[in-house]
Amino acid sequence: NTNGYGDGFGTASTSGDWVFDHDVWFANFQDGLDLLHSGMTTLSVTNSQSIANDGQAYKIGSGKNIVFRNNLAIANCDRILHLFGDEPATAIVAGVGPCRAGGDGLLFTFTNEGTYQVQNNTFIGNNATMFDLFCENGYDVCPNAGTTFQNNIVVGYMTSGGALPGL
């Protein structure tokens, strides 16, 4: 409605190795960090924050070696209902929910041969679910993906409409 794309950082298909350390994505009209369609080989996201975006806090996909460690995700897409700064009133569209694509904390797509470390993160939100986890290419399972999910804190709270959080 405001003629902008809205991701904090997003890219089309590229390749290579990506490193994000001590980055902040705050109050974007879509996702915080969107690397779902990046085509990357490796990714490291450490010591970073994605807060109050209208879409997912982090969208990660297709990498074969991913480290996601010591990050904070505060998924609160209801934030758009409380405009601040120079946000235009037209950002609130009647009859359209405030959350883009569910507004979850982490959307993650696994390859069947990748390694994934999701450690020491904090996920806070009021969404239907905190995580969207998929295998690439629409597969139902990816049994060869080596995944570590360790020492993460997950906190859900009720929406302003009274809906309970899910995991």
Protein backbone atom coordinates (compact mmCIF):
# COMPACT_ATOMS: atom_id res chain seq x y z
CA ASN A 1 0.00 0.00 0.00
CA THR A 2 3.00 2.31 0.49
CA ASN A 3 4.83 1.30 -2.73
CA GLY A 4 7.85 -0.20 -0.94
CA TYR A 5 9.25 -3.70 -0.80
CA GLY A 6 9.95 -3.60 2.91
CA ASP A 7 12.55 -6.24 3.89
CA GLY A 8 15.31 -5.08 6.21
CA PHE A 9 17.74 -7.03 4.05
CA GLY A 10 16.69 -9.33 1.23
CA THR A 11 18.26 -10.53 -1.97
CA ALA A 12 17.37 -12.48 -5.05
CA SER A 13 19.29 -15.54 -6.11
CA THR A 14 23.03 -15.11 -5.66
CA SER A 15 25.73 -17.50 -4.53
CA GLY A 16 28.64 -17.44 -2.18
CA ASP A 17 29.24 -17.15 1.51
CA TRP A 18 27.37 -14.69 3.72
CA VAL A 19 28.35 -13.41 7.18
CA PHE A 20 26.20 -11.20 9.42
CA ASP A 21 27.53 -10.30 12.87
CA HIS A 22 26.09 -7.71 15.26
CA ASP A 23 23.38 -6.61 12.81
CA VAL A 24 19.93 -5.23 13.65
CA TRP A 25 16.75 -5.38 11.55
CA PHE A 26 14.01 -3.33 13.18
CA ALA A 27 10.39 -2.47 12.30
CA ASN A 28 10.46 -3.28 8.60
CA PHE A 29 7.26 -3.55 6.58
CA GLN A 30 8.12 -7.14 5.61
CA ASP A 31 10.83 -9.51 6.85
CA GLY A 32 13.89 -8.61 8.91
CA LEU A 33 16.60 -10.72 7.22
CA ASP A 34 15.31 -12.51 4.10
CA LEU A 35 17.79 -14.95 2.56
CA LEU A 36 15.19 -17.59 1.65
CA HIS A 37 15.90 -17.43 -2.09
CA SER A 38 19.55 -16.44 -1.92
CA GLY A 39 21.24 -19.54 -3.37
CA MET A 40 24.07 -19.12 -0.86
CA THR A 41 26.58 -21.82 -0.01
CA THR A 42 27.32 -20.90 3.61
CA LEU A 43 25.77 -18.48 6.08
CA SER A 44 26.73 -17.26 9.51
CA VAL A 45 24.31 -15.08 11.50
CA THR A 46 25.67 -14.31 14.96
CA ASN A 47 25.01 -11.80 17.73
CA SER A 48 22.22 -10.13 15.71
CA GLN A 49 18.68 -8.90 16.39
CA SER A 50 15.49 -8.89 14.35
CA ILE A 51 12.70 -7.04 16.14
CA ALA A 52 9.10 -5.95 15.36
CA ASN A 53 9.10 -6.67 11.63
CA ASP A 54 5.76 -7.29 9.92
CA GLY A 55 6.97 -10.56 8.38
CA GLN A 56 9.34 -13.23 9.65
CA ALA A 57 12.24 -12.11 11.81
CA TYR A 58 14.65 -14.38 9.89
CA LYS A 59 14.11 -16.29 6.63
CA ILE A 60 16.93 -18.66 5.79
CA GLY A 61 17.10 -21.18 2.99
CA SER A 62 19.11 -23.30 0.61
CA GLY A 63 22.50 -23.01 2.32
CA LYS A 64 24.59 -26.10 2.84
CA ASN A 65 26.40 -24.91 5.97
CA ILE A 66 24.54 -22.55 8.29
CA VAL A 67 25.49 -21.22 11.71
CA PHE A 68 22.71 -19.30 13.50
CA ARG A 69 24.02 -18.46 16.96
CA ASN A 70 23.48 -15.93 19.78
CA ASN A 71 20.66 -14.09 18.00
CA LEU A 72 17.46 -12.45 19.20
CA ALA A 73 14.14 -12.62 17.38
CA ILE A 74 11.21 -10.64 18.74
CA ALA A 75 8.36 -11.40 16.39
CA ASN A 76 5.67 -8.79 16.93
CA CYS A 77 3.93 -7.97 13.69
CA ASP A 78 1.13 -6.26 15.67
CA ARG A 79 3.66 -3.42 15.87
CA ILE A 80 2.32 -2.03 12.56
CA LEU A 81 -0.93 -1.23 14.35
CA HIS A 82 0.97 1.39 16.36
CA LEU A 83 2.61 3.73 13.87
CA PHE A 84 5.61 5.82 14.86
CA GLY A 85 7.99 8.28 13.24
CA ASP A 86 7.14 9.12 9.64
CA GLU A 87 5.17 5.94 8.91
CA PRO A 88 2.13 6.88 6.84
CA ALA A 89 -1.34 6.16 8.18
CA THR A 90 -1.99 4.28 4.91
CA ALA A 91 0.35 1.55 6.21
CA ILE A 92 -2.68 0.19 8.08
CA VAL A 93 -5.04 -1.31 5.52
CA ALA A 94 -8.62 -1.98 6.65
CA GLY A 95 -9.50 -5.67 6.57
CA VAL A 96 -5.88 -6.81 6.15
CA GLY A 97 -4.10 -8.49 9.05
CA PRO A 98 -0.91 -6.89 10.32
CA CYS A 99 1.27 -9.99 9.91
CA ARG A 100 2.85 -10.70 6.55
CA ALA A 101 3.42 -14.41 5.91
CA GLY A 102 2.58 -15.31 9.49
CA GLY A 103 5.21 -13.08 11.09
CA ASP A 104 7.04 -16.04 12.63
CA GLY A 105 10.42 -15.85 14.34
CA LEU A 106 12.33 -18.17 12.02
CA LEU A 107 11.57 -19.66 8.63
CA PHE A 108 14.22 -22.23 7.76
CA THR A 109 14.63 -24.38 4.64
CA PHE A 110 16.98 -27.37 4.88
CA THR A 111 18.85 -29.11 2.07
CA ASN A 112 19.23 -32.88 2.28
CA GLU A 113 23.01 -32.72 2.69
CA GLY A 114 23.57 -29.57 4.75
CA THR A 115 24.75 -28.92 8.29
CA TYR A 116 22.81 -26.52 10.49
CA GLN A 117 23.65 -25.13 13.91
CA VAL A 118 20.88 -23.22 15.69
CA GLN A 119 22.31 -22.49 19.12
CA ASN A 120 22.01 -20.05 22.03
CA ASN A 121 19.24 -17.94 20.46
CA THR A 122 16.21 -16.28 22.02
CA PHE A 123 12.88 -16.36 20.18
CA ILE A 124 9.98 -14.28 21.55
CA GLY A 125 6.66 -13.83 19.82
CA ASN A 126 2.89 -13.88 19.70
CA ASN A 127 2.44 -15.88 16.52
CA ALA A 128 0.54 -19.01 15.60
CA THR A 129 3.93 -20.72 15.51
CA MET A 130 7.46 -19.54 16.21
CA PHE A 131 9.17 -21.72 13.57
CA ASP A 132 8.45 -22.67 9.97
CA LEU A 133 10.75 -25.56 9.03
CA PHE A 134 10.86 -27.05 5.52
CA CYS A 135 12.97 -29.26 3.29
CA GLU A 136 13.96 -27.63 -0.01
CA ASN A 137 12.20 -28.47 -3.28
CA GLY A 138 8.99 -29.41 -1.45
CA TYR A 139 10.32 -32.69 -0.04
CA ASP A 140 8.58 -33.97 3.08
CA VAL A 141 11.78 -35.20 4.69
CA CYS A 142 15.49 -34.44 4.41
CA PRO A 143 17.05 -37.21 6.57
CA ASN A 144 20.67 -36.39 5.71
CA ALA A 145 20.51 -32.83 7.05
CA GLY A 146 22.77 -32.61 10.11
CA THR A 147 20.95 -30.30 12.51
CA THR A 148 21.82 -29.08 15.99
CA PHE A 149 19.07 -27.19 17.88
CA GLN A 150 20.59 -26.45 21.26
CA ASN A 151 20.30 -24.00 24.19
CA ASN A 152 17.57 -21.90 22.58
CA ILE A 153 14.97 -19.99 24.59
CA VAL A 154 11.45 -19.85 23.15
CA VAL A 155 8.81 -17.58 24.73
CA GLY A 156 5.29 -17.15 23.39
CA TYR A 157 2.70 -14.66 24.57
CA MET A 158 -0.92 -13.93 23.75
CA THR A 159 -1.82 -11.54 20.97
CA SER A 160 -3.76 -8.36 21.68
CA GLY A 161 -6.79 -10.31 20.36
CA GLY A 162 -6.31 -13.04 22.98
CA ALA A 163 -4.98 -15.80 20.69
CA LEU A 164 -2.60 -18.24 22.38
CA PRO A 165 0.92 -18.78 21.01
CA GLY A 166 2.00 -22.02 19.41
CA LEU A 167 5.20 -23.91 18.77
